[in-house]
Amino acid sequence: MNDRELIGRVLAGDPDAERALYDAHVDRVFRLVYRMAGDMDRAQDWVQETFIRAFDRLAGFRGESALSTWLCSIAISITLNGLRKVRRSNEREVALDDASGIGTSPREADPDLKVRLSQAIDGLPEGYRTVFVMHDVEGFTHGEIAHVLGVQPGTSKAQLFRARARLREALADFARE
């Protein structure tokens, strides 16, 4: 059964179709959200919120893009908003002036590339990280990314180029070790 048929059945009130639509797309949405959030609990919450919002707005889905692209655009919006809330909450916990000595320790080389890469990705600016995860990790095309984020494909390509450059720079020490 294709997405159009599932959507029709969901809109008609078929709970089995809701489950089938969810099952067909939840893995991809979860991978995207988890890689952006970096936290299992938040990712699970935001994926749940994504599908709640998607089912509420399913009647408004125009079919101009693939259903998976539409779902991912909802997921990205929810994740970015959630990350902003987390960041604001964390900023309120400790004033920057009071935190000057917190978290500073001698920098030691970590031999685990996976950990270093994860940290480097987390350190990217929000837009760069989103495009990098969507393109290089999840396999979206620049056209799909542009549609989801509401930018031009050239902007997506430029942000990916800059993200990769920053990652090369962040991991340069590891390459020399």
Protein backbone atom coordinates (compact mmCIF):
# COMPACT_ATOMS: atom_id res chain seq x y z
CA MET A 1 0.00 0.00 0.00
CA ASN A 2 1.43 3.40 -0.95
CA ASP A 3 1.41 6.60 1.11
CA ARG A 4 -1.56 8.11 -0.77
CA GLU A 5 -3.74 5.11 0.04
CA LEU A 6 -2.59 5.14 3.66
CA ILE A 7 -3.36 8.84 3.98
CA GLY A 8 -6.85 8.30 2.60
CA ARG A 9 -7.49 5.47 5.06
CA VAL A 10 -6.07 7.48 7.98
CA LEU A 11 -8.29 10.43 7.11
CA ALA A 12 -11.24 8.02 6.98
CA GLY A 13 -10.46 7.02 10.58
CA ASP A 14 -8.76 3.64 10.08
CA PRO A 15 -6.47 3.01 13.12
CA ASP A 16 -4.65 0.18 11.30
CA ALA A 17 -3.69 2.65 8.56
CA GLU A 18 -2.40 5.08 11.20
CA ARG A 19 -0.18 2.36 12.60
CA ALA A 20 1.02 1.33 9.14
CA LEU A 21 1.88 4.93 8.23
CA TYR A 22 3.71 5.38 11.54
CA ASP A 23 5.62 2.11 11.14
CA ALA A 24 6.60 2.98 7.57
CA HIS A 25 8.25 6.28 8.55
CA VAL A 26 9.21 6.21 12.22
CA ASP A 27 12.71 4.75 11.76
CA ARG A 28 13.88 7.43 9.34
CA VAL A 29 12.34 10.24 11.40
CA PHE A 30 13.88 8.86 14.59
CA ARG A 31 17.37 8.57 13.07
CA LEU A 32 17.20 12.16 11.88
CA VAL A 33 15.91 13.53 15.19
CA TYR A 34 18.32 11.48 17.29
CA ARG A 35 21.32 12.62 15.28
CA MET A 36 20.24 16.23 15.62
CA ALA A 37 19.33 16.00 19.30
CA GLY A 38 22.10 13.67 20.47
CA ASP A 39 19.89 12.49 23.32
CA MET A 40 17.74 9.34 23.25
CA ASP A 41 14.99 10.60 25.58
CA ARG A 42 14.58 13.93 23.81
CA ALA A 43 14.63 12.22 20.43
CA GLN A 44 11.85 9.84 21.48
CA ASP A 45 9.75 12.72 22.80
CA TRP A 46 10.28 14.82 19.69
CA VAL A 47 9.50 11.92 17.33
CA GLN A 48 6.27 11.33 19.22
CA GLU A 49 5.46 15.03 18.96
CA THR A 50 6.27 14.90 15.24
CA PHE A 51 3.73 12.18 14.57
CA ILE A 52 1.09 13.80 16.77
CA ARG A 53 1.46 17.02 14.78
CA ALA A 54 1.59 15.12 11.48
CA PHE A 55 -1.63 13.23 12.17
CA ASP A 56 -3.32 16.46 13.28
CA ARG A 57 -2.29 18.17 10.04
CA LEU A 58 -2.52 15.24 7.66
CA ALA A 59 -5.62 16.64 5.94
CA GLY A 60 -3.50 19.64 4.95
CA PHE A 61 -0.80 17.53 3.29
CA ARG A 62 -0.88 18.66 -0.35
CA GLY A 63 1.40 16.00 -1.77
CA GLU A 64 3.80 18.51 -3.32
CA SER A 65 6.64 16.48 -1.80
CA ALA A 66 7.02 12.94 -0.58
CA LEU A 67 5.27 12.17 2.71
CA SER A 68 8.65 11.27 4.24
CA THR A 69 10.00 14.71 3.29
CA TRP A 70 6.95 16.39 4.84
CA LEU A 71 7.33 14.34 8.02
CA CYS A 72 11.03 15.19 8.23
CA SER A 73 10.29 18.89 7.85
CA ILE A 74 7.92 18.65 10.82
CA ALA A 75 10.53 16.68 12.77
CA ILE A 76 13.25 19.24 12.03
CA SER A 77 11.03 22.09 13.12
CA ILE A 78 10.13 20.36 16.38
CA THR A 79 13.74 19.33 17.02
CA LEU A 80 15.18 22.79 16.36
CA ASN A 81 12.56 24.38 18.59
CA GLY A 82 13.27 21.79 21.27
CA LEU A 83 17.01 22.38 21.06
CA ARG A 84 16.43 26.12 21.42
CA LYS A 85 14.33 25.52 24.55
CA VAL A 86 17.03 23.27 25.99
CA ARG A 87 19.70 25.85 25.22
CA ARG A 88 17.67 28.65 26.83
CA SER A 89 17.04 26.49 29.88
CA ASN A 90 20.72 25.64 30.20
CA GLU A 91 21.67 29.30 29.87
CA ARG A 92 19.44 30.16 32.82
CA GLU A 93 21.05 27.57 35.05
CA VAL A 94 24.48 29.21 35.23
CA ALA A 95 25.39 32.76 34.31
CA LEU A 96 28.27 32.95 31.86
CA ASP A 97 30.31 35.15 34.25
CA ASP A 98 30.00 32.51 36.97
CA ALA A 99 30.95 29.69 34.64
CA SER A 100 34.41 30.85 33.61
CA GLY A 101 36.18 28.02 35.45
CA ILE A 102 33.57 25.35 34.84
CA GLY A 103 34.36 22.76 32.22
CA THR A 104 37.93 23.79 31.63
CA SER A 105 40.37 20.99 31.80
CA PRO A 106 43.57 20.13 30.04
CA ARG A 107 42.81 19.00 26.53
CA GLU A 108 43.80 15.40 26.09
CA ALA A 109 43.74 13.53 22.84
CA ASP A 110 40.90 11.06 22.65
CA PRO A 111 41.85 8.11 20.46
CA ASP A 112 38.26 7.25 19.68
CA LEU A 113 37.38 8.83 16.34
CA LYS A 114 33.68 8.07 16.77
CA VAL A 115 33.51 10.14 19.94
CA ARG A 116 35.54 12.96 18.42
CA LEU A 117 33.41 13.00 15.29
CA SER A 118 30.22 13.08 17.34
CA GLN A 119 31.54 15.98 19.37
CA ALA A 120 32.62 17.81 16.23
CA ILE A 121 29.18 17.37 14.67
CA ASP A 122 27.49 18.57 17.86
CA GLY A 123 29.74 21.63 17.78
CA LEU A 124 28.60 22.70 14.32
CA PRO A 125 26.25 25.68 14.04
CA GLU A 126 22.62 24.59 13.89
CA GLY A 127 22.14 25.11 10.13
CA TYR A 128 25.39 23.38 9.19
CA ARG A 129 24.62 20.44 11.48
CA THR A 130 21.10 20.05 10.10
CA VAL A 131 22.26 19.99 6.47
CA PHE A 132 25.22 17.71 7.27
CA VAL A 133 23.04 15.17 9.09
CA MET A 134 20.32 15.26 6.45
CA HIS A 135 22.71 14.91 3.50
CA ASP A 136 25.74 12.92 4.61
CA VAL A 137 24.13 10.80 7.29
CA GLU A 138 20.52 10.34 6.19
CA GLY A 139 21.02 10.57 2.43
CA PHE A 140 18.62 13.40 1.56
CA THR A 141 19.28 15.21 -1.71
CA HIS A 142 19.99 18.93 -1.75
CA GLY A 143 16.60 19.44 -3.38
CA GLU A 144 14.82 17.63 -0.55
CA ILE A 145 16.83 19.50 2.07
CA ALA A 146 16.03 22.80 0.38
CA HIS A 147 12.33 21.96 0.36
CA VAL A 148 12.28 20.88 4.00
CA LEU A 149 14.27 23.85 5.29
CA GLY A 150 12.75 26.43 2.95
CA VAL A 151 16.07 27.44 1.37
CA GLN A 152 17.60 27.22 -2.10
CA PRO A 153 19.53 24.05 -3.05
CA GLY A 154 22.64 26.22 -3.41
CA THR A 155 22.31 27.28 0.22
CA SER A 156 22.13 23.64 1.25
CA LYS A 157 25.26 22.87 -0.77
CA ALA A 158 27.13 25.84 0.70
CA GLN A 159 26.20 24.89 4.26
CA LEU A 160 27.29 21.31 3.65
CA PHE A 161 30.62 22.53 2.25
CA ARG A 162 31.16 24.74 5.30
CA ALA A 163 30.10 21.98 7.70
CA ARG A 164 32.59 19.57 6.16
CA ALA A 165 35.33 22.20 6.33
CA ARG A 166 34.65 22.78 10.02
CA LEU A 167 34.67 19.04 10.68
CA ARG A 168 38.01 18.68 8.88
CA GLU A 169 39.36 21.51 11.00
CA ALA A 170 37.96 20.05 14.24
CA LEU A 171 39.39 16.61 13.47
CA ALA A 172 42.76 17.79 12.13
CA ASP A 173 44.48 17.02 15.45
CA PHE A 174 43.12 13.49 15.36
CA ALA A 175 44.47 12.94 11.85
CA ARG A 176 47.96 13.98 12.94
CA GLU A 177 47.99 11.61 15.94
